C-alpha atoms as a PDB file:
ATOM      1  CA  MET A   1      -0.257  -0.286   0.055  1.00  0.00           C
ATOM      2  CA  HIS A   2       1.688   3.089  -1.115  1.00  0.00           C
ATOM      3  CA  VAL A   3       2.251   5.995   2.562  1.00  0.00           C
ATOM      4  CA  ASP A   4       0.129   8.249   0.805  1.00  0.00           C
ATOM      5  CA  ASP A   5      -3.159   5.754   1.622  1.00  0.00           C
ATOM      6  CA  ILE A   6      -1.568   5.177   5.191  1.00  0.00           C
ATOM      7  CA  LEU A   7      -1.101   8.754   6.107  1.00  0.00           C
ATOM      8  CA  ASP A   8      -4.094   9.707   5.011  1.00  0.00           C
ATOM      9  CA  ARG A   9      -6.046   7.060   7.986  1.00  0.00           C
ATOM     10  CA  ALA A  10      -3.666   7.982  10.664  1.00  0.00           C
ATOM     11  CA  HIS A  11      -3.943   9.477  14.120  1.00  0.00           C
ATOM     12  CA  VAL A  12      -1.216   9.891  16.072  1.00  0.00           C
ATOM     13  CA  VAL A  13      -1.657  10.297  19.694  1.00  0.00           C
ATOM     14  CA  ALA A  14       0.130  10.716  23.379  1.00  0.00           C
ATOM     15  CA  LEU A  15      -0.873   9.243  26.294  1.00  0.00           C
ATOM     16  CA  PRO A  16       0.045  10.239  29.914  1.00  0.00           C
ATOM     17  CA  MET A  17       1.891   6.938  31.815  1.00  0.00           C
ATOM     18  CA  ALA A  18       0.534   6.555  35.525  1.00  0.00           C
ATOM     19  CA  VAL A  19       3.964   5.381  36.085  1.00  0.00           C
ATOM     20  CA  ARG A  20       7.350   6.408  34.590  1.00  0.00           C
ATOM     21  CA  PHE A  21       8.442   3.144  32.532  1.00  0.00           C
ATOM     22  CA  ARG A  22      11.046   2.854  30.613  1.00  0.00           C
ATOM     23  CA  GLY A  23      12.123   6.300  30.621  1.00  0.00           C
ATOM     24  CA  VAL A  24       8.717   6.763  29.433  1.00  0.00           C
ATOM     25  CA  ASP A  25       6.213   9.405  30.795  1.00  0.00           C
ATOM     26  CA  ILE A  26       4.332  10.054  27.461  1.00  0.00           C
ATOM     27  CA  ARG A  27       3.761   6.935  25.458  1.00  0.00           C
ATOM     28  CA  GLU A  28       3.456   8.100  21.474  1.00  0.00           C
ATOM     29  CA  ALA A  29       1.837   5.449  18.712  1.00  0.00           C
ATOM     30  CA  LEU A  30       1.397   6.218  15.408  1.00  0.00           C
ATOM     31  CA  LEU A  31      -2.730   4.811  14.834  1.00  0.00           C
ATOM     32  CA  ILE A  32      -3.870   2.606  11.438  1.00  0.00           C
ATOM     33  CA  ASP A  33      -7.725   2.705  10.779  1.00  0.00           C
ATOM     34  CA  GLY A  34      -7.180   0.153   7.767  1.00  0.00           C
ATOM     35  CA  PRO A  35     -10.040  -1.883   5.828  1.00  0.00           C
ATOM     36  CA  ALA A  36      -9.130  -5.069   8.181  1.00  0.00           C
ATOM     37  CA  GLY A  37      -9.141  -2.801  11.294  1.00  0.00           C
ATOM     38  CA  TRP A  38      -6.392  -0.452  13.675  1.00  0.00           C
ATOM     39  CA  GLY A  39      -2.893  -1.300  13.574  1.00  0.00           C
ATOM     40  CA  GLU A  40      -0.101   0.433  15.711  1.00  0.00           C
ATOM     41  CA  PHE A  41       3.359   2.184  14.808  1.00  0.00           C
ATOM     42  CA  SER A  42       5.284   2.987  17.951  1.00  0.00           C
ATOM     43  CA  PRO A  43       8.739   1.935  17.943  1.00  0.00           C
ATOM     44  CA  PHE A  44      10.306   3.714  20.834  1.00  0.00           C
ATOM     45  CA  LEU A  45      12.299   6.986  19.818  1.00  0.00           C
ATOM     46  CA  GLU A  46      15.949   5.773  19.470  1.00  0.00           C
ATOM     47  CA  TYR A  47      15.141   3.567  17.562  1.00  0.00           C
ATOM     48  CA  GLY A  48      16.517   3.943  13.648  1.00  0.00           C
ATOM     49  CA  ALA A  49      14.128   3.836  10.413  1.00  0.00           C
ATOM     50  CA  ARG A  50      15.138   0.241   9.350  1.00  0.00           C
ATOM     51  CA  GLU A  51      14.532  -1.332  12.966  1.00  0.00           C
ATOM     52  CA  SER A  52      11.078   0.921  12.828  1.00  0.00           C
ATOM     53  CA  SER A  53       9.993  -1.248   9.504  1.00  0.00           C
ATOM     54  CA  ALA A  54       9.185  -4.269  11.390  1.00  0.00           C
ATOM     55  CA  TRP A  55       6.988  -1.864  13.696  1.00  0.00           C
ATOM     56  CA  LEU A  56       5.327  -0.589  10.768  1.00  0.00           C
ATOM     57  CA  ARG A  57       4.843  -4.151   9.068  1.00  0.00           C
ATOM     58  CA  ALA A  58       2.893  -5.536  11.830  1.00  0.00           C
ATOM     59  CA  GLY A  59       1.293  -2.249  12.442  1.00  0.00           C
ATOM     60  CA  LEU A  60      -0.226  -2.652   8.670  1.00  0.00           C
ATOM     61  CA  GLU A  61      -0.911  -6.168   9.016  1.00  0.00           C
ATOM     62  CA  ALA A  62      -3.485  -5.640  11.374  1.00  0.00           C
ATOM     63  CA  ALA A  63      -4.425  -2.610   9.432  1.00  0.00           C
ATOM     64  CA  TYR A  64      -4.811  -4.585   6.076  1.00  0.00           C
ATOM     65  CA  GLU A  65      -4.631  -7.937   6.609  1.00  0.00           C
ATOM     66  CA  GLY A  66      -6.339  -8.447   9.989  1.00  0.00           C
ATOM     67  CA  PHE A  67      -5.376 -11.105  12.683  1.00  0.00           C
ATOM     68  CA  PRO A  68      -5.811 -15.238  12.142  1.00  0.00           C
ATOM     69  CA  ALA A  69      -8.738 -16.846  13.915  1.00  0.00           C
ATOM     70  CA  PRO A  70      -8.311 -17.280  17.544  1.00  0.00           C
ATOM     71  CA  LEU A  71      -7.780 -21.001  19.213  1.00  0.00           C
ATOM     72  CA  ARG A  72      -9.235 -19.136  23.232  1.00  0.00           C
ATOM     73  CA  ASP A  73     -11.058 -16.568  24.124  1.00  0.00           C
ATOM     74  CA  THR A  74      -9.025 -15.509  27.113  1.00  0.00           C
ATOM     75  CA  VAL A  75      -5.460 -15.282  27.642  1.00  0.00           C
ATOM     76  CA  GLU A  76      -3.659 -15.031  31.020  1.00  0.00           C
ATOM     77  CA  VAL A  77      -1.221 -12.126  31.578  1.00  0.00           C
ATOM     78  CA  ASN A  78       1.132 -11.260  34.397  1.00  0.00           C
ATOM     79  CA  ALA A  79       1.206  -7.649  36.296  1.00  0.00           C
ATOM     80  CA  THR A  80       3.766  -5.618  35.443  1.00  0.00           C
ATOM     81  CA  VAL A  81       5.968  -3.646  38.117  1.00  0.00           C
ATOM     82  CA  PRO A  82       8.341  -1.050  37.160  1.00  0.00           C
ATOM     83  CA  ALA A  83      11.125  -0.023  38.766  1.00  0.00           C
ATOM     84  CA  VAL A  84       9.268   1.775  41.655  1.00  0.00           C
ATOM     85  CA  THR A  85      10.118   2.184  45.511  1.00  0.00           C
ATOM     86  CA  ALA A  86       8.785  -0.815  47.520  1.00  0.00           C
ATOM     87  CA  ASP A  87       6.347   1.268  49.048  1.00  0.00           C
ATOM     88  CA  ALA A  88       4.508   1.979  45.966  1.00  0.00           C
ATOM     89  CA  VAL A  89       4.340  -1.849  45.076  1.00  0.00           C
ATOM     90  CA  PRO A  90       0.918  -2.097  46.464  1.00  0.00           C
ATOM     91  CA  GLU A  91      -0.528   1.204  43.931  1.00  0.00           C
ATOM     92  CA  VAL A  92       1.037  -0.466  41.093  1.00  0.00           C
ATOM     93  CA  LEU A  93      -0.109  -4.233  42.072  1.00  0.00           C
ATOM     94  CA  ALA A  94      -3.749  -2.424  42.567  1.00  0.00           C
ATOM     95  CA  ARG A  95      -4.356  -2.316  39.066  1.00  0.00           C
ATOM     96  CA  PHE A  96      -3.601  -5.694  38.013  1.00  0.00           C
ATOM     97  CA  ALA A  97      -6.793  -7.538  39.794  1.00  0.00           C
ATOM     98  CA  GLY A  98      -5.720 -11.194  40.111  1.00  0.00           C
ATOM     99  CA  CYS A  99      -2.333 -11.758  39.036  1.00  0.00           C
ATOM    100  CA  ARG A 100      -0.959 -14.176  40.536  1.00  0.00           C
ATOM    101  CA  VAL A 101       2.444 -13.903  37.803  1.00  0.00           C
ATOM    102  CA  ILE A 102       4.339 -11.010  38.165  1.00  0.00           C
ATOM    103  CA  LYS A 103       6.890  -9.450  36.129  1.00  0.00           C
ATOM    104  CA  VAL A 104       9.551  -7.036  38.700  1.00  0.00           C
ATOM    105  CA  LYS A 105      12.101  -4.250  36.348  1.00  0.00           C
ATOM    106  CA  VAL A 106      14.976  -4.743  38.563  1.00  0.00           C
ATOM    107  CA  ALA A 107      19.016  -3.106  37.436  1.00  0.00           C
ATOM    108  CA  GLU A 108      17.530   0.127  37.232  1.00  0.00           C
ATOM    109  CA  LYS A 109      20.707   2.607  36.512  1.00  0.00           C
ATOM    110  CA  GLY A 110      21.387   4.770  39.804  1.00  0.00           C
ATOM    111  CA  GLN A 111      19.353   2.243  41.576  1.00  0.00           C
ATOM    112  CA  THR A 112      21.352  -0.774  43.224  1.00  0.00           C
ATOM    113  CA  LEU A 113      20.674  -4.558  44.232  1.00  0.00           C
ATOM    114  CA  ASP A 114      18.897  -3.643  47.416  1.00  0.00           C
ATOM    115  CA  ASP A 115      16.598  -1.460  45.889  1.00  0.00           C
ATOM    116  CA  ASP A 116      15.459  -4.565  43.377  1.00  0.00           C
ATOM    117  CA  ILE A 117      15.643  -7.123  46.975  1.00  0.00           C
ATOM    118  CA  ALA A 118      13.304  -4.666  48.833  1.00  0.00           C
ATOM    119  CA  ARG A 119      10.808  -4.244  45.314  1.00  0.00           C
ATOM    120  CA  VAL A 120      10.690  -7.970  44.985  1.00  0.00           C
ATOM    121  CA  ASN A 121      10.360  -8.733  48.424  1.00  0.00           C
ATOM    122  CA  ALA A 122       7.137  -6.434  48.459  1.00  0.00           C
ATOM    123  CA  VAL A 123       6.277  -7.966  45.734  1.00  0.00           C
ATOM    124  CA  ARG A 124       5.400 -11.081  47.564  1.00  0.00           C
ATOM    125  CA  ASP A 125       4.816  -9.887  50.913  1.00  0.00           C
ATOM    126  CA  HIS A 126       1.534  -8.080  49.014  1.00  0.00           C
ATOM    127  CA  VAL A 127       0.218 -11.081  47.156  1.00  0.00           C
ATOM    128  CA  PRO A 128       2.043 -14.330  49.015  1.00  0.00           C
ATOM    129  CA  GLY A 129       2.708 -17.253  46.181  1.00  0.00           C
ATOM    130  CA  ALA A 130       3.445 -15.165  43.284  1.00  0.00           C
ATOM    131  CA  VAL A 131       4.957 -16.393  40.621  1.00  0.00           C
ATOM    132  CA  ILE A 132       8.031 -14.179  39.962  1.00  0.00           C
ATOM    133  CA  ARG A 133      10.258 -12.823  36.575  1.00  0.00           C
ATOM    134  CA  VAL A 134      12.391 -10.318  37.031  1.00  0.00           C
ATOM    135  CA  ASP A 135      13.036  -8.306  34.119  1.00  0.00           C
ATOM    136  CA  ALA A 136      16.945  -6.793  33.782  1.00  0.00           C
ATOM    137  CA  ASN A 137      17.067  -5.543  30.623  1.00  0.00           C
ATOM    138  CA  ARG A 138      20.709  -5.689  30.185  1.00  0.00           C
ATOM    139  CA  GLY A 139      21.397  -4.091  32.840  1.00  0.00           C
ATOM    140  CA  TRP A 140      24.080  -7.037  34.729  1.00  0.00           C
ATOM    141  CA  THR A 141      27.064  -8.347  33.522  1.00  0.00           C
ATOM    142  CA  VAL A 142      27.220 -12.559  34.673  1.00  0.00           C
ATOM    143  CA  THR A 143      28.594 -11.944  38.203  1.00  0.00           C
ATOM    144  CA  GLU A 144      25.755  -9.799  39.269  1.00  0.00           C
ATOM    145  CA  ALA A 145      22.826 -11.443  37.586  1.00  0.00           C
ATOM    146  CA  VAL A 146      24.364 -14.696  38.793  1.00  0.00           C
ATOM    147  CA  ALA A 147      24.473 -13.345  42.487  1.00  0.00           C
ATOM    148  CA  ALA A 148      20.894 -11.270  41.869  1.00  0.00           C
ATOM    149  CA  ALA A 149      18.901 -14.869  41.183  1.00  0.00           C
ATOM    150  CA  HIS A 150      20.686 -16.127  44.429  1.00  0.00           C
ATOM    151  CA  GLU A 151      18.829 -13.026  46.399  1.00  0.00           C
ATOM    152  CA  LEU A 152      15.939 -12.579  44.585  1.00  0.00           C
ATOM    153  CA  GLY A 153      14.560 -15.991  44.393  1.00  0.00           C
ATOM    154  CA  PRO A 154      12.386 -18.377  43.758  1.00  0.00           C
ATOM    155  CA  LEU A 155      11.921 -16.820  40.443  1.00  0.00           C
ATOM    156  CA  ASP A 156       9.900 -17.831  37.644  1.00  0.00           C
ATOM    157  CA  TYR A 157      12.975 -16.528  35.026  1.00  0.00           C
ATOM    158  CA  LEU A 158      15.274 -13.575  34.739  1.00  0.00           C
ATOM    159  CA  GLU A 159      14.192 -11.710  31.661  1.00  0.00           C
ATOM    160  CA  GLN A 160      17.637 -10.556  29.287  1.00  0.00           C
ATOM    161  CA  PRO A 161      19.899 -10.261  32.233  1.00  0.00           C
ATOM    162  CA  CYS A 162      23.015  -9.796  30.336  1.00  0.00           C
ATOM    163  CA  ALA A 163      23.294  -7.582  26.904  1.00  0.00           C
ATOM    164  CA  THR A 164      24.690 -10.215  25.133  1.00  0.00           C
ATOM    165  CA  VAL A 165      23.971 -14.445  23.928  1.00  0.00           C
ATOM    166  CA  GLU A 166      26.620 -15.137  24.891  1.00  0.00           C
ATOM    167  CA  GLU A 167      26.560 -13.736  28.597  1.00  0.00           C
ATOM    168  CA  LEU A 168      22.808 -15.177  28.791  1.00  0.00           C
ATOM    169  CA  ALA A 169      24.310 -19.367  27.597  1.00  0.00           C
ATOM    170  CA  GLU A 170      27.279 -18.362  30.232  1.00  0.00           C
ATOM    171  CA  VAL A 171      24.635 -17.377  33.013  1.00  0.00           C
ATOM    172  CA  ARG A 172      22.286 -20.167  32.212  1.00  0.00           C
ATOM    173  CA  ARG A 173      25.545 -22.270  33.043  1.00  0.00           C
ATOM    174  CA  ALA A 174      26.685 -20.826  36.107  1.00  0.00           C
ATOM    175  CA  LEU A 175      22.867 -20.699  37.801  1.00  0.00           C
ATOM    176  CA  MET A 176      22.631 -24.413  36.675  1.00  0.00           C
ATOM    177  CA  ARG A 177      26.497 -25.411  37.809  1.00  0.00           C
ATOM    178  CA  SER A 178      24.782 -23.387  41.164  1.00  0.00           C
ATOM    179  CA  GLY A 179      22.174 -25.356  42.016  1.00  0.00           C
ATOM    180  CA  ILE A 180      19.655 -22.240  41.598  1.00  0.00           C
ATOM    181  CA  PHE A 181      16.597 -23.015  39.934  1.00  0.00           C
ATOM    182  CA  ALA A 182      15.900 -19.479  37.767  1.00  0.00           C
ATOM    183  CA  ARG A 183      15.298 -20.130  34.055  1.00  0.00           C
ATOM    184  CA  VAL A 184      16.505 -17.197  31.908  1.00  0.00           C
ATOM    185  CA  ALA A 185      14.329 -15.672  29.295  1.00  0.00           C
ATOM    186  CA  ALA A 186      15.622 -13.705  26.117  1.00  0.00           C
ATOM    187  CA  ASP A 187      14.183 -10.403  25.111  1.00  0.00           C
ATOM    188  CA  GLU A 188      16.176  -8.033  23.094  1.00  0.00           C
ATOM    189  CA  SER A 189      18.339 -11.218  21.977  1.00  0.00           C
ATOM    190  CA  ILE A 190      15.362 -12.211  19.981  1.00  0.00           C
ATOM    191  CA  ARG A 191      13.584  -8.800  18.947  1.00  0.00           C
ATOM    192  CA  ARG A 192      16.714  -6.814  18.132  1.00  0.00           C
ATOM    193  CA  SER A 193      18.583  -9.376  16.661  1.00  0.00           C
ATOM    194  CA  ASP A 194      18.830  -9.865  13.289  1.00  0.00           C
ATOM    195  CA  ASP A 195      18.823 -13.662  14.351  1.00  0.00           C
ATOM    196  CA  PRO A 196      17.064 -14.899  16.747  1.00  0.00           C
ATOM    197  CA  TYR A 197      17.108 -18.567  16.657  1.00  0.00           C
ATOM    198  CA  ARG A 198      20.900 -17.804  17.874  1.00  0.00           C
ATOM    199  CA  VAL A 199      19.700 -17.301  21.366  1.00  0.00           C
ATOM    200  CA  ALA A 200      18.304 -21.309  20.529  1.00  0.00           C
ATOM    201  CA  GLU A 201      20.681 -22.716  18.754  1.00  0.00           C
ATOM    202  CA  LEU A 202      23.717 -21.310  21.054  1.00  0.00           C
ATOM    203  CA  GLN A 203      21.028 -22.212  24.347  1.00  0.00           C
ATOM    204  CA  ALA A 204      21.415 -19.699  25.941  1.00  0.00           C
ATOM    205  CA  ALA A 205      17.732 -19.304  27.223  1.00  0.00           C
ATOM    206  CA  ASP A 206      14.651 -21.373  28.151  1.00  0.00           C
ATOM    207  CA  VAL A 207      12.198 -18.875  27.694  1.00  0.00           C
ATOM    208  CA  ALA A 208      11.410 -16.869  24.595  1.00  0.00           C
ATOM    209  CA  VAL A 209      10.008 -12.911  24.825  1.00  0.00           C
ATOM    210  CA  VAL A 210       8.338 -12.232  21.635  1.00  0.00           C
ATOM    211  CA  LYS A 211       6.259  -9.017  20.676  1.00  0.00           C
ATOM    212  CA  VAL A 212       4.408  -8.953  18.071  1.00  0.00           C
ATOM    213  CA  ALA A 213       5.797  -5.052  16.435  1.00  0.00           C
ATOM    214  CA  PRO A 214       9.238  -5.631  16.697  1.00  0.00           C
ATOM    215  CA  LEU A 215       9.422  -9.005  15.101  1.00  0.00           C
ATOM    216  CA  GLY A 216       7.154  -7.721  12.367  1.00  0.00           C
ATOM    217  CA  GLY A 217       3.382  -9.395  13.113  1.00  0.00           C
ATOM    218  CA  VAL A 218       1.483 -11.947  14.439  1.00  0.00           C
ATOM    219  CA  ARG A 219       2.288 -14.036  11.937  1.00  0.00           C
ATOM    220  CA  ARG A 220       6.105 -13.466  11.916  1.00  0.00           C
ATOM    221  CA  VAL A 221       5.636 -14.549  15.887  1.00  0.00           C
ATOM    222  CA  LEU A 222       3.344 -17.526  15.268  1.00  0.00           C
ATOM    223  CA  GLN A 223       6.186 -18.832  12.835  1.00  0.00           C
ATOM    224  CA  LEU A 224       9.042 -17.826  15.493  1.00  0.00           C
ATOM    225  CA  ALA A 225       7.170 -19.358  18.307  1.00  0.00           C
ATOM    226  CA  THR A 226       6.610 -22.642  16.447  1.00  0.00           C
ATOM    227  CA  ASP A 227      10.718 -22.980  15.566  1.00  0.00           C
ATOM    228  CA  LEU A 228      11.460 -21.509  19.086  1.00  0.00           C
ATOM    229  CA  ARG A 229       9.162 -24.481  20.910  1.00  0.00           C
ATOM    230  CA  ALA A 230      10.777 -27.418  18.687  1.00  0.00           C
ATOM    231  CA  ARG A 231      13.822 -25.885  19.914  1.00  0.00           C
ATOM    232  CA  HIS A 232      12.638 -26.862  23.426  1.00  0.00           C
ATOM    233  CA  MET A 233      12.313 -23.330  24.377  1.00  0.00           C
ATOM    234  CA  ASP A 234       8.749 -21.965  26.249  1.00  0.00           C
ATOM    235  CA  ILE A 235       7.603 -18.866  24.540  1.00  0.00           C
ATOM    236  CA  THR A 236       6.060 -15.636  26.418  1.00  0.00           C
ATOM    237  CA  VAL A 237       4.174 -12.935  24.201  1.00  0.00           C
ATOM    238  CA  ALA A 238       4.600  -9.248  26.014  1.00  0.00           C
ATOM    239  CA  SER A 239       3.867  -5.826  24.889  1.00  0.00           C
ATOM    240  CA  ALA A 240       6.193  -3.459  23.472  1.00  0.00           C
ATOM    241  CA  LEU A 241       4.145  -0.766  25.997  1.00  0.00           C
ATOM    242  CA  ASP A 242       1.365  -0.573  23.480  1.00  0.00           C
ATOM    243  CA  THR A 243      -1.677   1.403  23.244  1.00  0.00           C
ATOM    244  CA  ALA A 244      -4.961  -0.625  23.206  1.00  0.00           C
ATOM    245  CA  VAL A 245      -4.566  -0.941  19.787  1.00  0.00           C
ATOM    246  CA  GLY A 246      -1.169  -3.146  19.610  1.00  0.00           C
ATOM    247  CA  MET A 247      -2.372  -4.434  22.384  1.00  0.00           C
ATOM    248  CA  ASN A 248      -5.125  -6.035  20.262  1.00  0.00           C
ATOM    249  CA  ALA A 249      -1.821  -7.760  17.989  1.00  0.00           C
ATOM    250  CA  GLY A 250      -0.039  -9.257  21.282  1.00  0.00           C
ATOM    251  CA  LEU A 251      -3.585 -10.332  21.991  1.00  0.00           C
ATOM    252  CA  ALA A 252      -4.648 -12.314  18.481  1.00  0.00           C
ATOM    253  CA  ALA A 253      -0.799 -13.528  18.752  1.00  0.00           C
ATOM    254  CA  VAL A 254      -1.917 -15.486  21.967  1.00  0.00           C
ATOM    255  CA  ALA A 255      -5.329 -16.323  21.240  1.00  0.00           C
ATOM    256  CA  ALA A 256      -3.999 -18.193  18.052  1.00  0.00           C
ATOM    257  CA  LEU A 257      -0.736 -19.814  19.421  1.00  0.00           C
ATOM    258  CA  PRO A 258      -1.025 -23.568  18.511  1.00  0.00           C
ATOM    259  CA  VAL A 259      -2.251 -25.678  21.549  1.00  0.00           C
ATOM    260  CA  LEU A 260      -0.438 -27.576  23.571  1.00  0.00           C
ATOM    261  CA  SER A 261      -1.440 -31.345  25.313  1.00  0.00           C
ATOM    262  CA  ASP A 262       0.168 -33.072  28.156  1.00  0.00           C
ATOM    263  CA  ASP A 263       0.880 -36.171  28.558  1.00  0.00           C
ATOM    264  CA  ASP A 264      -2.621 -36.727  29.277  1.00  0.00           C
ATOM    265  CA  ASP A 265      -3.952 -34.192  26.877  1.00  0.00           C
ATOM    266  CA  MET A 266      -4.735 -32.295  28.560  1.00  0.00           C
ATOM    267  CA  ASP A 267      -4.578 -28.445  26.749  1.00  0.00           C
ATOM    268  CA  VAL A 268      -1.343 -26.331  28.341  1.00  0.00           C
ATOM    269  CA  PRO A 269      -2.339 -23.174  28.446  1.00  0.00           C
ATOM    270  CA  PRO A 270       0.462 -20.213  26.793  1.00  0.00           C
ATOM    271  CA  ALA A 271       2.154 -18.639  28.936  1.00  0.00           C
ATOM    272  CA  ALA A 272       0.856 -15.882  31.010  1.00  0.00           C
ATOM    273  CA  ALA A 273       1.430 -12.640  28.750  1.00  0.00           C
ATOM    274  CA  GLY A 274       2.841  -9.522  29.528  1.00  0.00           C
ATOM    275  CA  LEU A 275      -0.597  -8.113  27.526  1.00  0.00           C
ATOM    276  CA  ALA A 276      -1.681  -5.515  31.053  1.00  0.00           C
ATOM    277  CA  THR A 277       0.846  -2.797  30.575  1.00  0.00           C
ATOM    278  CA  GLY A 278      -2.420  -0.945  29.575  1.00  0.00           C
ATOM    279  CA  SER A 279      -2.748  -0.459  33.310  1.00  0.00           C
ATOM    280  CA  LEU A 280       0.238   1.582  33.253  1.00  0.00           C
ATOM    281  CA  PHE A 281      -1.796   3.927  31.168  1.00  0.00           C
ATOM    282  CA  LEU A 282      -3.207   7.363  32.711  1.00  0.00           C
ATOM    283  CA  GLU A 283      -5.320   7.183  29.676  1.00  0.00           C
ATOM    284  CA  ASP A 284      -5.777   5.244  26.670  1.00  0.00           C
ATOM    285  CA  VAL A 285      -7.565   5.351  23.186  1.00  0.00           C
ATOM    286  CA  ALA A 286     -10.342   2.760  24.233  1.00  0.00           C
ATOM    287  CA  GLU A 287     -12.025   1.768  27.151  1.00  0.00           C
ATOM    288  CA  PRO A 288      -9.772  -0.469  28.955  1.00  0.00           C
ATOM    289  CA  ARG A 289     -10.341  -3.953  29.096  1.00  0.00           C
ATOM    290  CA  GLU A 290     -11.284  -6.225  32.054  1.00  0.00           C
ATOM    291  CA  LEU A 291      -9.499  -7.941  33.770  1.00  0.00           C
ATOM    292  CA  VAL A 292     -10.795 -10.662  35.539  1.00  0.00           C
ATOM    293  CA  ASP A 293      -8.956 -13.289  37.822  1.00  0.00           C
ATOM    294  CA  GLY A 294      -5.782 -12.341  35.451  1.00  0.00           C
ATOM    295  CA  HIS A 295      -7.000 -12.824  32.229  1.00  0.00           C
ATOM    296  CA  LEU A 296      -8.025 -10.850  29.492  1.00  0.00           C
ATOM    297  CA  PRO A 297     -10.567 -11.122  26.544  1.00  0.00           C
ATOM    298  CA  VAL A 298      -8.854 -11.518  23.153  1.00  0.00           C
ATOM    299  CA  ALA A 299     -11.593  -9.406  21.282  1.00  0.00           C
ATOM    300  CA  PRO A 300     -10.582  -6.469  19.733  1.00  0.00           C
ATOM    301  CA  VAL A 301     -10.808  -3.117  20.806  1.00  0.00           C
ATOM    302  CA  THR A 302     -11.848   0.076  18.415  1.00  0.00           C
ATOM    303  CA  PRO A 303     -10.528   3.450  19.183  1.00  0.00           C
ATOM    304  CA  ASP A 304     -12.825   5.960  20.474  1.00  0.00           C
ATOM    305  CA  PRO A 305     -13.455   8.817  18.208  1.00  0.00           C
ATOM    306  CA  ASP A 306     -13.757  11.103  21.817  1.00  0.00           C
ATOM    307  CA  ARG A 307      -9.966   9.965  23.538  1.00  0.00           C
ATOM    308  CA  LEU A 308      -8.503  10.094  19.484  1.00  0.00           C
ATOM    309  CA  GLU A 309      -9.249  13.762  19.864  1.00  0.00           C
ATOM    310  CA  THR A 310      -8.637  14.246  22.997  1.00  0.00           C
ATOM    311  CA  LEU A 311      -5.246  12.478  22.928  1.00  0.00           C
ATOM    312  CA  ALA A 312      -3.930  13.345  20.133  1.00  0.00           C
ATOM    313  CA  ALA A 313      -0.500  14.544  20.170  1.00  0.00           C
ATOM    314  CA  PRO A 314       0.432  18.489  19.104  1.00  0.00           C
ATOM    315  CA  ALA A 315       1.399  19.205  15.783  1.00  0.00           C
ATOM    316  CA  ASP A 316       4.312  18.650  14.815  1.00  0.00           C
ATOM    317  CA  ARG A 317       4.347  16.000  17.309  1.00  0.00           C
ATOM    318  CA  ARG A 318       1.843  14.724  14.615  1.00  0.00           C
ATOM    319  CA  ASP A 319       4.625  15.205  11.918  1.00  0.00           C
ATOM    320  CA  ARG A 320       7.862  14.009  13.252  1.00  0.00           C
ATOM    321  CA  TRP A 321       5.155  10.564  13.880  1.00  0.00           C
ATOM    322  CA  PHE A 322       4.387  10.708   9.848  1.00  0.00           C
ATOM    323  CA  ASP A 323       8.495  11.528   8.625  1.00  0.00           C
ATOM    324  CA  ARG A 324       8.804   8.369  10.850  1.00  0.00           C
ATOM    325  CA  LEU A 325       6.605   6.322   9.060  1.00  0.00           C
ATOM    326  CA  ARG A 326       7.917   7.154   5.684  1.00  0.00           C
ATOM    327  CA  ASP A 327      10.883   6.554   6.980  1.00  0.00           C
ATOM    328  CA  ALA A 328      10.716   2.856   8.073  1.00  0.00           C
ATOM    329  CA  HIS A 329       8.358   2.274   4.625  1.00  0.00           C
ATOM    330  CA  ARG A 330      11.706   2.814   2.453  1.00  0.00           C
ATOM    331  CA  TYR A 331      12.489  -0.049   4.239  1.00  0.00           C
ATOM    332  CA  LEU A 332       9.122  -2.737   3.348  1.00  0.00           C
END
């Protein structure tokens, strides 16, 4: 499709965050009102045109093709706790009704492991028995990651504890040698890599955290999930701090994941997805999905026209996003 047609259908919005997340206080996004539905183009501001083109491909898939048929009506999601102080944890968790799996941001610049320990302990105090994941966003060395796993455990997994695939493999081996039963998950090493399969080839992680927008669409995520499962990796589908429109795609991906069965032929539901980050916005372009017992419905939502108008970005920011889309479109 021609870039002018896309821009004719575009709305640029600026959503205020309830909690600062990934250094973001205002989340901007370009939304596309397409013939098959709504799509989103919202690469983070530090992403260049080539990397952003995958995000555009995902948005165009949603807007012009639509999503694969769902195999389930709801999906379990995890709560997400940003790198807040321990005393702010209950307020954050109040936004995630019924979630028993909780991802906690750690290794924040300017903070210490003691801050991370206090935050994780606050989660355990507030939700006894919670399954806890920690996300370091490449913030640790191998030695720091292993020490943190020892101090923060028990954990479901450590997400992207270090920067490189080789370091992830080293962490994984060190955890096994130390008898620490925490898995390693790869995020940036998959979504920001030219070769997402390298993680599996080096046996560097137990879990792949896959995100629709940076990987280029729902169908691409489903293919990658199939391939990585065949390489003995589990899959967690997560958000890239999407608006309600982008969240449609993430939920569609989980809803369409092939059914797995255990030894008793019982359906094994997908891992709790990181798709409840809409709770971190003060305002969104659609009414919030109802979170029931830690599950979200997968049916797509449509932006509310009044919200699109109220949350519209200033003209200079709209023009900047139009330029970003044009630049990314050249790489499709």
